[in-house]
Amino acid sequence: MTSISSPSRWVKVDNSDSRIFYAGVWFNANAPLAYEGSLIGTRTQGSQTFRFTGNAARIVGANSSQPVFATDAQGTTINGTAEPDWDCILNGTTSSKPLRSLYVVNPWVVCDFPDLPTGQHTIEVKVKSNARLFWLDEIQYDPGVLVQDEVRLVRYDDVNVTYSEGGWEPYSQDGQVVGRSTNVRGSTVTLRFFGNEIT
């Protein structure tokens, strides 16, 4: 029997988690395809802050293709088709951010913080402009060790995931492989795990 490996998988934190701090005006929306079925969004300036212990993290949202119209403090209509502008901040210092996707993407990595020294870090996304709706879904981080009482992410390339032979091809978004896909009937994917629930 094949043994089950125990890697330190990434942790998923929903946008409604009490450990996340929001500043500015944010509102919730139902989104069946999002993690836990909801997104949180803003049309104006605002920020989301999260503290964690680990060695990598990312802030995940959804790329909206729909134009949005809002008003400023004087009641002037703002053309919501403008692309939003935001900063990714690590431990108080602005860092580089991923390019905005040309496609409607969910999930979409808004901020990526890889290869951090293991320890406590604070990550933040700061929305700087009134524009198209800016949606956030979840935060993911790598604790570097096995953790209890958290939802853990199993990626397509996890050592405990196996695919049936034939038909499975890499699936890419904006030139980056993010999964595998198939159109071959009868293809299967198998996950070996210890636990009592999987979604």
N, C-alpha and C. Protein backbone atom coordinates (compact mmCIF):
# COMPACT_ATOMS: atom_id res chain seq x y z
N MET A 1 0.84 -1.19 0.00
CA MET A 1 0.00 0.00 0.00
C MET A 1 0.88 1.25 0.00
N THR A 2 0.51 2.22 -0.81
CA THR A 2 1.27 3.47 -0.88
C THR A 2 1.08 4.27 0.39
N SER A 3 2.18 4.78 0.95
CA SER A 3 2.07 5.57 2.17
C SER A 3 1.59 6.97 1.86
N ILE A 4 1.07 7.65 2.87
CA ILE A 4 0.56 9.00 2.72
C ILE A 4 1.59 9.97 3.27
N SER A 5 2.03 10.89 2.43
CA SER A 5 2.99 11.90 2.85
C SER A 5 2.26 12.99 3.64
N SER A 6 2.99 13.68 4.53
CA SER A 6 2.38 14.72 5.36
C SER A 6 3.12 16.04 5.18
N PRO A 7 2.95 16.70 4.03
CA PRO A 7 3.60 17.99 3.83
C PRO A 7 2.93 19.07 4.65
N SER A 8 3.63 20.19 4.86
CA SER A 8 3.02 21.33 5.57
C SER A 8 2.20 22.12 4.56
N ARG A 9 0.97 21.75 4.41
CA ARG A 9 0.12 22.37 3.39
C ARG A 9 -0.27 23.79 3.78
N TRP A 10 -0.58 24.58 2.75
CA TRP A 10 -1.03 25.94 2.97
C TRP A 10 -2.36 25.96 3.70
N VAL A 11 -2.58 27.03 4.46
CA VAL A 11 -3.82 27.24 5.22
C VAL A 11 -4.68 28.25 4.47
N LYS A 12 -5.99 27.99 4.44
CA LYS A 12 -6.94 28.91 3.81
C LYS A 12 -7.72 29.65 4.90
N VAL A 13 -7.81 30.98 4.78
CA VAL A 13 -8.52 31.81 5.74
C VAL A 13 -9.58 32.60 4.98
N ASP A 14 -10.85 32.40 5.32
CA ASP A 14 -11.93 33.07 4.61
C ASP A 14 -11.95 34.57 4.90
N ASN A 15 -12.53 35.34 3.98
CA ASN A 15 -12.57 36.80 4.14
C ASN A 15 -13.35 37.25 5.37
N SER A 16 -14.21 36.38 5.92
CA SER A 16 -15.00 36.74 7.09
C SER A 16 -14.32 36.38 8.41
N ASP A 17 -13.12 35.82 8.35
CA ASP A 17 -12.42 35.39 9.56
C ASP A 17 -12.11 36.59 10.46
N SER A 18 -12.31 36.42 11.76
CA SER A 18 -12.13 37.53 12.71
C SER A 18 -10.67 37.96 12.84
N ARG A 19 -9.73 37.17 12.34
CA ARG A 19 -8.32 37.55 12.41
C ARG A 19 -7.93 38.56 11.34
N ILE A 20 -8.83 38.82 10.40
CA ILE A 20 -8.57 39.79 9.33
C ILE A 20 -9.14 41.14 9.74
N PHE A 21 -8.36 42.21 9.59
CA PHE A 21 -8.81 43.56 9.93
C PHE A 21 -9.06 44.34 8.64
N TYR A 22 -10.21 45.02 8.58
CA TYR A 22 -10.57 45.84 7.43
C TYR A 22 -10.67 47.30 7.83
N ALA A 23 -10.18 48.18 6.96
CA ALA A 23 -10.36 49.62 7.12
C ALA A 23 -11.02 50.16 5.86
N GLY A 24 -11.93 51.11 6.02
CA GLY A 24 -12.67 51.63 4.88
C GLY A 24 -14.03 50.98 4.76
N VAL A 25 -14.69 51.22 3.63
CA VAL A 25 -16.05 50.72 3.40
C VAL A 25 -15.98 49.46 2.55
N TRP A 26 -16.36 48.34 3.14
CA TRP A 26 -16.39 47.05 2.46
C TRP A 26 -17.78 46.46 2.57
N PHE A 27 -18.17 45.67 1.59
CA PHE A 27 -19.48 45.03 1.64
C PHE A 27 -19.35 43.59 1.17
N ASN A 28 -20.25 42.74 1.67
CA ASN A 28 -20.24 41.32 1.35
C ASN A 28 -21.15 41.02 0.17
N ALA A 29 -20.79 39.99 -0.58
CA ALA A 29 -21.62 39.55 -1.71
C ALA A 29 -21.57 38.03 -1.79
N ASN A 30 -22.72 37.45 -2.13
CA ASN A 30 -22.76 36.00 -2.34
C ASN A 30 -22.05 35.66 -3.64
N ALA A 31 -21.25 34.61 -3.61
CA ALA A 31 -20.50 34.18 -4.79
C ALA A 31 -20.31 32.67 -4.67
N PRO A 32 -21.20 31.89 -5.26
CA PRO A 32 -21.18 30.44 -5.08
C PRO A 32 -19.85 29.77 -5.41
N LEU A 33 -19.08 30.33 -6.35
CA LEU A 33 -17.82 29.71 -6.75
C LEU A 33 -16.63 30.15 -5.90
N ALA A 34 -16.86 31.13 -5.02
CA ALA A 34 -15.78 31.61 -4.15
C ALA A 34 -15.65 30.70 -2.93
N TYR A 35 -14.52 30.82 -2.25
CA TYR A 35 -14.32 30.04 -1.03
C TYR A 35 -15.36 30.44 0.01
N GLU A 36 -16.03 29.47 0.60
CA GLU A 36 -17.11 29.67 1.58
C GLU A 36 -18.29 30.45 1.00
N GLY A 37 -18.34 30.59 -0.34
CA GLY A 37 -19.51 31.15 -1.00
C GLY A 37 -19.69 32.64 -0.91
N SER A 38 -18.63 33.38 -0.60
CA SER A 38 -18.78 34.83 -0.49
C SER A 38 -17.50 35.56 -0.88
N LEU A 39 -17.68 36.81 -1.28
CA LEU A 39 -16.58 37.73 -1.53
C LEU A 39 -16.81 38.98 -0.70
N ILE A 40 -15.76 39.76 -0.48
CA ILE A 40 -15.91 41.07 0.15
C ILE A 40 -15.28 42.08 -0.80
N GLY A 41 -15.97 43.21 -1.02
CA GLY A 41 -15.50 44.14 -2.04
C GLY A 41 -15.57 45.58 -1.61
N THR A 42 -14.91 46.43 -2.38
CA THR A 42 -14.96 47.86 -2.16
C THR A 42 -14.87 48.58 -3.50
N ARG A 43 -15.48 49.77 -3.55
CA ARG A 43 -15.36 50.64 -4.72
C ARG A 43 -14.45 51.82 -4.40
N THR A 44 -14.06 51.94 -3.14
CA THR A 44 -13.31 53.11 -2.69
C THR A 44 -12.01 52.68 -2.04
N GLN A 45 -11.32 53.63 -1.46
CA GLN A 45 -10.07 53.32 -0.79
C GLN A 45 -10.33 52.52 0.48
N GLY A 46 -9.49 51.54 0.73
CA GLY A 46 -9.65 50.69 1.91
C GLY A 46 -8.49 49.73 2.00
N SER A 47 -8.44 48.96 3.08
CA SER A 47 -7.35 48.02 3.25
C SER A 47 -7.81 46.78 4.00
N GLN A 48 -7.06 45.70 3.79
CA GLN A 48 -7.25 44.43 4.49
C GLN A 48 -5.90 44.02 5.06
N THR A 49 -5.86 43.68 6.35
CA THR A 49 -4.60 43.36 7.02
C THR A 49 -4.73 42.03 7.75
N PHE A 50 -3.66 41.22 7.70
CA PHE A 50 -3.67 39.90 8.34
C PHE A 50 -2.28 39.60 8.87
N ARG A 51 -2.22 39.05 10.08
CA ARG A 51 -0.95 38.66 10.69
C ARG A 51 -0.91 37.13 10.79
N PHE A 52 0.26 36.56 10.46
CA PHE A 52 0.39 35.11 10.49
C PHE A 52 1.83 34.73 10.83
N THR A 53 2.01 33.47 11.16
CA THR A 53 3.35 32.92 11.37
C THR A 53 3.60 31.87 10.30
N GLY A 54 4.67 32.06 9.52
CA GLY A 54 4.95 31.14 8.43
C GLY A 54 6.04 31.66 7.53
N ASN A 55 6.09 31.14 6.29
CA ASN A 55 7.17 31.51 5.37
C ASN A 55 6.70 31.94 3.98
N ALA A 56 5.38 32.06 3.79
CA ALA A 56 4.85 32.54 2.50
C ALA A 56 3.37 32.82 2.68
N ALA A 57 2.84 33.70 1.82
CA ALA A 57 1.41 34.01 1.89
C ALA A 57 0.96 34.63 0.59
N ARG A 58 -0.34 34.61 0.38
CA ARG A 58 -0.93 35.30 -0.77
C ARG A 58 -2.33 35.77 -0.41
N ILE A 59 -2.73 36.88 -1.00
CA ILE A 59 -4.08 37.40 -0.85
C ILE A 59 -4.80 37.13 -2.16
N VAL A 60 -5.96 36.49 -2.07
CA VAL A 60 -6.66 35.99 -3.25
C VAL A 60 -8.00 36.72 -3.40
N GLY A 61 -8.29 37.14 -4.62
CA GLY A 61 -9.55 37.81 -4.90
C GLY A 61 -10.19 37.26 -6.15
N ALA A 62 -11.04 38.08 -6.76
CA ALA A 62 -11.69 37.73 -8.02
C ALA A 62 -11.58 38.92 -8.94
N ASN A 63 -11.25 38.67 -10.19
CA ASN A 63 -11.09 39.72 -11.19
C ASN A 63 -12.43 39.98 -11.85
N SER A 64 -13.05 41.14 -11.58
CA SER A 64 -14.36 41.47 -12.13
C SER A 64 -14.22 42.11 -13.50
N SER A 65 -15.08 41.70 -14.43
CA SER A 65 -15.06 42.30 -15.77
C SER A 65 -16.16 43.33 -15.95
N GLN A 66 -17.02 43.51 -14.93
CA GLN A 66 -18.17 44.39 -15.08
C GLN A 66 -17.83 45.81 -14.66
N PRO A 67 -18.18 46.83 -15.48
CA PRO A 67 -17.97 48.21 -15.08
C PRO A 67 -18.85 48.57 -13.90
N VAL A 68 -18.33 49.39 -13.01
CA VAL A 68 -19.05 49.80 -11.81
C VAL A 68 -19.01 51.31 -11.72
N PHE A 69 -20.11 51.91 -11.27
CA PHE A 69 -20.17 53.36 -11.12
C PHE A 69 -20.37 53.71 -9.66
N ALA A 70 -19.60 54.66 -9.15
CA ALA A 70 -19.70 55.08 -7.77
C ALA A 70 -19.63 56.60 -7.73
N THR A 71 -19.84 57.18 -6.55
CA THR A 71 -19.75 58.63 -6.40
C THR A 71 -18.71 58.95 -5.36
N ASP A 72 -18.07 60.11 -5.53
CA ASP A 72 -17.08 60.52 -4.55
C ASP A 72 -17.77 61.27 -3.41
N ALA A 73 -16.98 61.85 -2.50
CA ALA A 73 -17.55 62.51 -1.32
C ALA A 73 -18.44 63.69 -1.68
N GLN A 74 -18.24 64.28 -2.86
CA GLN A 74 -19.05 65.41 -3.30
C GLN A 74 -20.27 64.97 -4.11
N GLY A 75 -20.44 63.67 -4.28
CA GLY A 75 -21.59 63.16 -5.03
C GLY A 75 -21.35 63.10 -6.52
N THR A 76 -20.11 63.32 -6.95
CA THR A 76 -19.80 63.27 -8.37
C THR A 76 -19.66 61.83 -8.83
N THR A 77 -20.28 61.50 -9.96
CA THR A 77 -20.20 60.14 -10.47
C THR A 77 -18.80 59.84 -10.98
N ILE A 78 -18.31 58.69 -10.59
CA ILE A 78 -17.00 58.23 -11.02
C ILE A 78 -17.19 57.09 -12.00
N ASN A 79 -16.50 57.15 -13.11
CA ASN A 79 -16.59 56.07 -14.09
C ASN A 79 -15.91 54.83 -13.53
N GLY A 80 -16.71 53.82 -13.22
CA GLY A 80 -16.18 52.63 -12.57
C GLY A 80 -15.47 51.67 -13.49
N THR A 81 -15.31 52.02 -14.77
CA THR A 81 -14.61 51.10 -15.67
C THR A 81 -13.10 51.19 -15.51
N ALA A 82 -12.63 52.21 -14.78
CA ALA A 82 -11.19 52.33 -14.57
C ALA A 82 -10.67 51.14 -13.77
N GLU A 83 -9.46 50.74 -14.10
CA GLU A 83 -8.86 49.63 -13.36
C GLU A 83 -8.51 50.09 -11.94
N PRO A 84 -8.76 49.27 -10.95
CA PRO A 84 -8.39 49.66 -9.58
C PRO A 84 -6.88 49.68 -9.41
N ASP A 85 -6.42 50.48 -8.47
CA ASP A 85 -5.00 50.55 -8.15
C ASP A 85 -4.84 50.12 -6.69
N TRP A 86 -3.83 49.34 -6.40
CA TRP A 86 -3.66 48.85 -5.04
C TRP A 86 -2.18 48.62 -4.76
N ASP A 87 -1.84 48.57 -3.48
CA ASP A 87 -0.49 48.24 -3.04
C ASP A 87 -0.52 46.93 -2.26
N CYS A 88 0.55 46.16 -2.39
CA CYS A 88 0.77 44.97 -1.57
C CYS A 88 1.86 45.33 -0.56
N ILE A 89 1.56 45.15 0.72
CA ILE A 89 2.45 45.62 1.78
C ILE A 89 2.83 44.45 2.68
N LEU A 90 4.14 44.28 2.88
CA LEU A 90 4.67 43.23 3.75
C LEU A 90 5.43 43.87 4.89
N ASN A 91 4.97 43.62 6.12
CA ASN A 91 5.62 44.15 7.32
C ASN A 91 5.87 45.65 7.21
N GLY A 92 4.89 46.36 6.66
CA GLY A 92 4.95 47.81 6.58
C GLY A 92 5.63 48.37 5.36
N THR A 93 6.18 47.52 4.50
CA THR A 93 6.91 47.97 3.31
C THR A 93 6.19 47.51 2.05
N THR A 94 5.97 48.44 1.12
CA THR A 94 5.30 48.11 -0.14
C THR A 94 6.18 47.17 -0.96
N SER A 95 5.57 46.12 -1.50
CA SER A 95 6.30 45.16 -2.32
C SER A 95 5.66 45.08 -3.70
N SER A 96 6.29 44.35 -4.60
CA SER A 96 5.75 44.22 -5.95
C SER A 96 4.45 43.44 -5.92
N LYS A 97 3.63 43.63 -6.94
CA LYS A 97 2.35 42.92 -7.01
C LYS A 97 2.23 42.21 -8.35
N PRO A 98 1.44 41.13 -8.40
CA PRO A 98 1.25 40.43 -9.68
C PRO A 98 0.55 41.33 -10.69
N LEU A 99 0.77 41.05 -11.97
CA LEU A 99 0.07 41.78 -13.01
C LEU A 99 -1.41 41.42 -12.97
N ARG A 100 -2.27 42.40 -13.25
CA ARG A 100 -3.70 42.15 -13.29
C ARG A 100 -4.01 41.28 -14.51
N SER A 101 -4.82 40.26 -14.29
CA SER A 101 -5.17 39.35 -15.38
C SER A 101 -6.02 40.05 -16.42
N LEU A 102 -5.86 39.64 -17.68
CA LEU A 102 -6.69 40.16 -18.77
C LEU A 102 -8.03 39.45 -18.85
N TYR A 103 -8.22 38.44 -18.02
CA TYR A 103 -9.43 37.62 -18.08
C TYR A 103 -10.17 37.69 -16.74
N VAL A 104 -11.43 37.25 -16.78
CA VAL A 104 -12.19 37.12 -15.55
C VAL A 104 -11.67 35.89 -14.82
N VAL A 105 -11.07 36.08 -13.67
CA VAL A 105 -10.40 34.98 -12.97
C VAL A 105 -10.88 34.91 -11.53
N ASN A 106 -11.25 33.73 -11.09
CA ASN A 106 -11.54 33.48 -9.69
C ASN A 106 -11.13 32.04 -9.40
N PRO A 107 -10.08 31.81 -8.64
CA PRO A 107 -9.35 32.79 -7.84
C PRO A 107 -8.29 33.56 -8.64
N TRP A 108 -8.00 34.76 -8.16
CA TRP A 108 -6.99 35.63 -8.76
C TRP A 108 -6.07 36.11 -7.64
N VAL A 109 -4.78 35.88 -7.77
CA VAL A 109 -3.82 36.28 -6.74
C VAL A 109 -3.59 37.79 -6.84
N VAL A 110 -4.05 38.51 -5.82
CA VAL A 110 -3.94 39.97 -5.77
C VAL A 110 -2.55 40.37 -5.27
N CYS A 111 -2.09 39.70 -4.22
CA CYS A 111 -0.76 39.95 -3.66
C CYS A 111 -0.10 38.61 -3.37
N ASP A 112 1.19 38.52 -3.66
CA ASP A 112 1.93 37.28 -3.46
C ASP A 112 3.19 37.59 -2.65
N PHE A 113 3.37 36.85 -1.56
CA PHE A 113 4.52 37.07 -0.68
C PHE A 113 5.27 35.74 -0.50
N PRO A 114 6.10 35.34 -1.47
CA PRO A 114 6.81 34.05 -1.39
C PRO A 114 8.13 34.17 -0.64
N ASP A 115 8.68 33.03 -0.27
CA ASP A 115 10.07 32.92 0.21
C ASP A 115 10.38 33.88 1.35
N LEU A 116 9.54 33.89 2.38
CA LEU A 116 9.77 34.75 3.54
C LEU A 116 10.58 34.00 4.59
N PRO A 117 11.34 34.72 5.41
CA PRO A 117 11.98 34.05 6.55
C PRO A 117 10.89 33.56 7.50
N THR A 118 11.04 32.36 8.01
CA THR A 118 10.02 31.81 8.90
C THR A 118 9.88 32.68 10.14
N GLY A 119 8.64 33.05 10.45
CA GLY A 119 8.39 33.91 11.59
C GLY A 119 7.05 34.60 11.44
N GLN A 120 6.82 35.61 12.26
CA GLN A 120 5.56 36.34 12.22
C GLN A 120 5.65 37.48 11.20
N HIS A 121 4.62 37.60 10.38
CA HIS A 121 4.57 38.62 9.34
C HIS A 121 3.19 39.26 9.31
N THR A 122 3.14 40.49 8.83
CA THR A 122 1.88 41.19 8.61
C THR A 122 1.77 41.54 7.13
N ILE A 123 0.69 41.09 6.50
CA ILE A 123 0.47 41.40 5.09
C ILE A 123 -0.75 42.29 4.96
N GLU A 124 -0.74 43.12 3.92
CA GLU A 124 -1.83 44.08 3.73
C GLU A 124 -2.02 44.34 2.25
N VAL A 125 -3.27 44.48 1.84
CA VAL A 125 -3.58 45.01 0.52
C VAL A 125 -4.30 46.33 0.74
N LYS A 126 -3.81 47.38 0.08
CA LYS A 126 -4.38 48.72 0.25
C LYS A 126 -4.91 49.19 -1.10
N VAL A 127 -6.23 49.36 -1.19
CA VAL A 127 -6.86 49.84 -2.42
C VAL A 127 -6.75 51.35 -2.43
N LYS A 128 -6.22 51.92 -3.53
CA LYS A 128 -5.88 53.34 -3.54
C LYS A 128 -6.80 54.19 -4.39
N SER A 129 -7.68 53.58 -5.20
CA SER A 129 -8.46 54.40 -6.13
C SER A 129 -9.91 53.97 -6.18
N ASN A 130 -10.77 54.91 -6.53
CA ASN A 130 -12.18 54.63 -6.76
C ASN A 130 -12.33 54.15 -8.19
N ALA A 131 -12.72 52.90 -8.37
CA ALA A 131 -12.73 52.34 -9.71
C ALA A 131 -13.66 51.15 -9.75
N ARG A 132 -13.37 50.25 -10.66
CA ARG A 132 -14.12 49.01 -10.78
C ARG A 132 -14.09 48.26 -9.44
N LEU A 133 -15.14 47.51 -9.18
CA LEU A 133 -15.20 46.76 -7.93
C LEU A 133 -13.94 45.93 -7.71
N PHE A 134 -13.41 46.01 -6.50
CA PHE A 134 -12.22 45.28 -6.12
C PHE A 134 -12.65 44.21 -5.13
N TRP A 135 -12.56 42.94 -5.54
CA TRP A 135 -13.08 41.82 -4.75
C TRP A 135 -11.96 41.05 -4.08
N LEU A 136 -12.16 40.68 -2.81
CA LEU A 136 -11.25 39.80 -2.10
C LEU A 136 -12.02 38.56 -1.64
N ASP A 137 -11.34 37.42 -1.66
CA ASP A 137 -11.99 36.15 -1.33
C ASP A 137 -11.38 35.50 -0.08
N GLU A 138 -10.07 35.28 -0.10
CA GLU A 138 -9.45 34.54 0.99
C GLU A 138 -7.98 34.92 1.11
N ILE A 139 -7.38 34.51 2.21
CA ILE A 139 -5.94 34.60 2.41
C ILE A 139 -5.41 33.18 2.54
N GLN A 140 -4.28 32.93 1.92
CA GLN A 140 -3.61 31.63 2.03
C GLN A 140 -2.20 31.87 2.56
N TYR A 141 -1.77 31.01 3.49
CA TYR A 141 -0.39 31.15 3.97
C TYR A 141 0.20 29.78 4.26
N ASP A 142 1.52 29.71 4.18
CA ASP A 142 2.25 28.47 4.45
C ASP A 142 2.86 28.58 5.84
N PRO A 143 2.35 27.81 6.81
CA PRO A 143 2.89 27.90 8.17
C PRO A 143 4.26 27.26 8.31
N GLY A 144 4.65 26.44 7.32
CA GLY A 144 5.95 25.77 7.39
C GLY A 144 5.97 24.54 8.25
N VAL A 145 4.91 24.32 9.01
CA VAL A 145 4.78 23.14 9.87
C VAL A 145 3.34 22.66 9.78
N LEU A 146 3.10 21.44 10.24
CA LEU A 146 1.73 20.95 10.31
C LEU A 146 0.96 21.71 11.38
N VAL A 147 -0.25 22.15 11.06
CA VAL A 147 -1.07 22.90 12.02
C VAL A 147 -2.40 22.19 12.20
N GLN A 148 -3.00 22.42 13.35
CA GLN A 148 -4.29 21.83 13.67
C GLN A 148 -5.39 22.89 13.59
N ASP A 149 -6.62 22.42 13.44
CA ASP A 149 -7.81 23.29 13.49
C ASP A 149 -7.79 24.40 12.46
N GLU A 150 -7.25 24.11 11.29
CA GLU A 150 -7.26 25.06 10.18
C GLU A 150 -7.68 24.31 8.92
N VAL A 151 -8.26 25.04 7.97
CA VAL A 151 -8.56 24.47 6.66
C VAL A 151 -7.29 24.51 5.83
N ARG A 152 -6.90 23.35 5.28
CA ARG A 152 -5.66 23.28 4.53
C ARG A 152 -5.91 23.06 3.04
N LEU A 153 -5.07 23.66 2.24
CA LEU A 153 -5.20 23.64 0.79
C LEU A 153 -4.39 22.49 0.21
N VAL A 154 -5.04 21.69 -0.63
CA VAL A 154 -4.34 20.63 -1.35
C VAL A 154 -4.25 21.06 -2.81
N ARG A 155 -3.05 21.31 -3.29
CA ARG A 155 -2.85 21.76 -4.65
C ARG A 155 -2.88 20.60 -5.64
N TYR A 156 -3.03 20.97 -6.90
CA TYR A 156 -3.07 19.97 -7.97
C TYR A 156 -1.80 19.13 -8.03
N ASP A 157 -0.67 19.69 -7.59
CA ASP A 157 0.61 18.98 -7.67
C ASP A 157 1.04 18.38 -6.33
N ASP A 158 0.09 18.25 -5.40
CA ASP A 158 0.38 17.64 -4.10
C ASP A 158 0.85 16.20 -4.29
N VAL A 159 1.78 15.76 -3.46
CA VAL A 159 2.34 14.41 -3.61
C VAL A 159 1.30 13.32 -3.36
N ASN A 160 0.20 13.65 -2.69
CA ASN A 160 -0.84 12.66 -2.42
C ASN A 160 -1.97 12.69 -3.45
N VAL A 161 -1.83 13.49 -4.50
CA VAL A 161 -2.81 13.55 -5.58
C VAL A 161 -2.27 12.76 -6.77
N THR A 162 -3.06 11.84 -7.29
CA THR A 162 -2.66 11.07 -8.47
C THR A 162 -3.74 11.18 -9.54
N TYR A 163 -3.32 11.15 -10.80
CA TYR A 163 -4.21 11.29 -11.94
C TYR A 163 -4.19 10.01 -12.77
N SER A 164 -5.32 9.70 -13.36
CA SER A 164 -5.37 8.54 -14.25
C SER A 164 -4.51 8.81 -15.48
N GLU A 165 -4.04 7.76 -16.13
CA GLU A 165 -3.15 7.92 -17.28
C GLU A 165 -3.92 8.44 -18.49
N GLY A 166 -3.30 9.36 -19.20
CA GLY A 166 -3.88 9.88 -20.44
C GLY A 166 -4.93 10.94 -20.20
N GLY A 167 -4.87 11.99 -20.97
CA GLY A 167 -5.93 12.99 -20.96
C GLY A 167 -5.70 14.21 -20.10
N TRP A 168 -4.87 14.11 -19.09
CA TRP A 168 -4.66 15.25 -18.20
C TRP A 168 -3.56 16.15 -18.76
N GLU A 169 -3.88 17.45 -18.89
CA GLU A 169 -2.94 18.42 -19.43
C GLU A 169 -2.78 19.58 -18.45
N PRO A 170 -1.62 20.23 -18.44
CA PRO A 170 -1.46 21.42 -17.59
C PRO A 170 -2.47 22.49 -17.98
N TYR A 171 -3.03 23.17 -16.99
CA TYR A 171 -3.97 24.28 -17.22
C TYR A 171 -3.29 25.56 -16.76
N SER A 172 -3.22 26.55 -17.65
CA SER A 172 -2.48 27.78 -17.36
C SER A 172 -3.38 29.00 -17.38
N GLN A 173 -3.02 29.99 -16.56
CA GLN A 173 -3.63 31.31 -16.59
C GLN A 173 -2.50 32.33 -16.65
N ASP A 174 -2.56 33.20 -17.64
CA ASP A 174 -1.55 34.24 -17.81
C ASP A 174 -0.13 33.66 -17.81
N GLY A 175 0.02 32.48 -18.47
CA GLY A 175 1.32 31.87 -18.63
C GLY A 175 1.82 31.07 -17.45
N GLN A 176 1.02 30.95 -16.39
CA GLN A 176 1.43 30.21 -15.21
C GLN A 176 0.54 28.98 -15.03
N VAL A 177 1.16 27.82 -14.84
CA VAL A 177 0.39 26.59 -14.63
C VAL A 177 -0.27 26.66 -13.26
N VAL A 178 -1.60 26.51 -13.22
CA VAL A 178 -2.35 26.60 -11.97
C VAL A 178 -3.15 25.33 -11.68
N GLY A 179 -3.11 24.36 -12.58
CA GLY A 179 -3.86 23.13 -12.35
C GLY A 179 -3.71 22.18 -13.52
N ARG A 180 -4.58 21.18 -13.56
CA ARG A 180 -4.65 20.24 -14.67
C ARG A 180 -6.09 20.12 -15.12
N SER A 181 -6.29 19.84 -16.40
CA SER A 181 -7.64 19.70 -16.94
C SER A 181 -7.67 18.54 -17.94
N THR A 182 -8.87 18.04 -18.19
CA THR A 182 -9.04 16.95 -19.14
C THR A 182 -10.41 17.03 -19.78
N ASN A 183 -10.51 16.54 -21.01
CA ASN A 183 -11.81 16.38 -21.66
C ASN A 183 -12.05 14.92 -22.03
N VAL A 184 -11.27 14.03 -21.41
CA VAL A 184 -11.38 12.60 -21.68
C VAL A 184 -12.35 11.98 -20.68
N ARG A 185 -13.44 11.42 -21.18
CA ARG A 185 -14.42 10.79 -20.31
C ARG A 185 -13.79 9.62 -19.56
N GLY A 186 -14.12 9.51 -18.28
CA GLY A 186 -13.59 8.43 -17.46
C GLY A 186 -12.29 8.76 -16.76
N SER A 187 -11.73 9.93 -17.03
CA SER A 187 -10.50 10.33 -16.33
C SER A 187 -10.80 10.52 -14.85
N THR A 188 -9.83 10.20 -14.01
CA THR A 188 -10.04 10.30 -12.57
C THR A 188 -8.87 11.00 -11.90
N VAL A 189 -9.15 11.57 -10.73
CA VAL A 189 -8.13 12.12 -9.86
C VAL A 189 -8.38 11.56 -8.47
N THR A 190 -7.32 11.17 -7.78
CA THR A 190 -7.44 10.52 -6.48
C THR A 190 -6.60 11.26 -5.45
N LEU A 191 -7.18 11.46 -4.27
CA LEU A 191 -6.47 12.09 -3.15
C LEU A 191 -6.48 11.13 -1.96
N ARG A 192 -5.29 10.84 -1.45
CA ARG A 192 -5.16 10.04 -0.24
C ARG A 192 -4.96 10.99 0.94
N PHE A 193 -5.76 10.82 2.01
CA PHE A 193 -5.63 11.72 3.15
C PHE A 193 -6.13 11.05 4.43
N PHE A 194 -5.67 11.56 5.57
CA PHE A 194 -6.22 11.23 6.87
C PHE A 194 -7.12 12.38 7.29
N GLY A 195 -8.31 12.09 7.79
CA GLY A 195 -9.20 13.15 8.24
C GLY A 195 -10.63 12.69 8.20
N ASN A 196 -11.54 13.64 8.43
CA ASN A 196 -12.96 13.29 8.46
C ASN A 196 -13.81 14.15 7.54
N GLU A 197 -13.18 15.03 6.75
CA GLU A 197 -13.98 15.87 5.85
C GLU A 197 -13.10 16.39 4.72
N ILE A 198 -13.68 16.51 3.53
CA ILE A 198 -12.99 17.10 2.39
C ILE A 198 -14.03 17.84 1.55
N THR A 199 -13.67 19.04 1.05
CA THR A 199 -14.60 19.83 0.24
C THR A 199 -13.89 20.33 -1.00
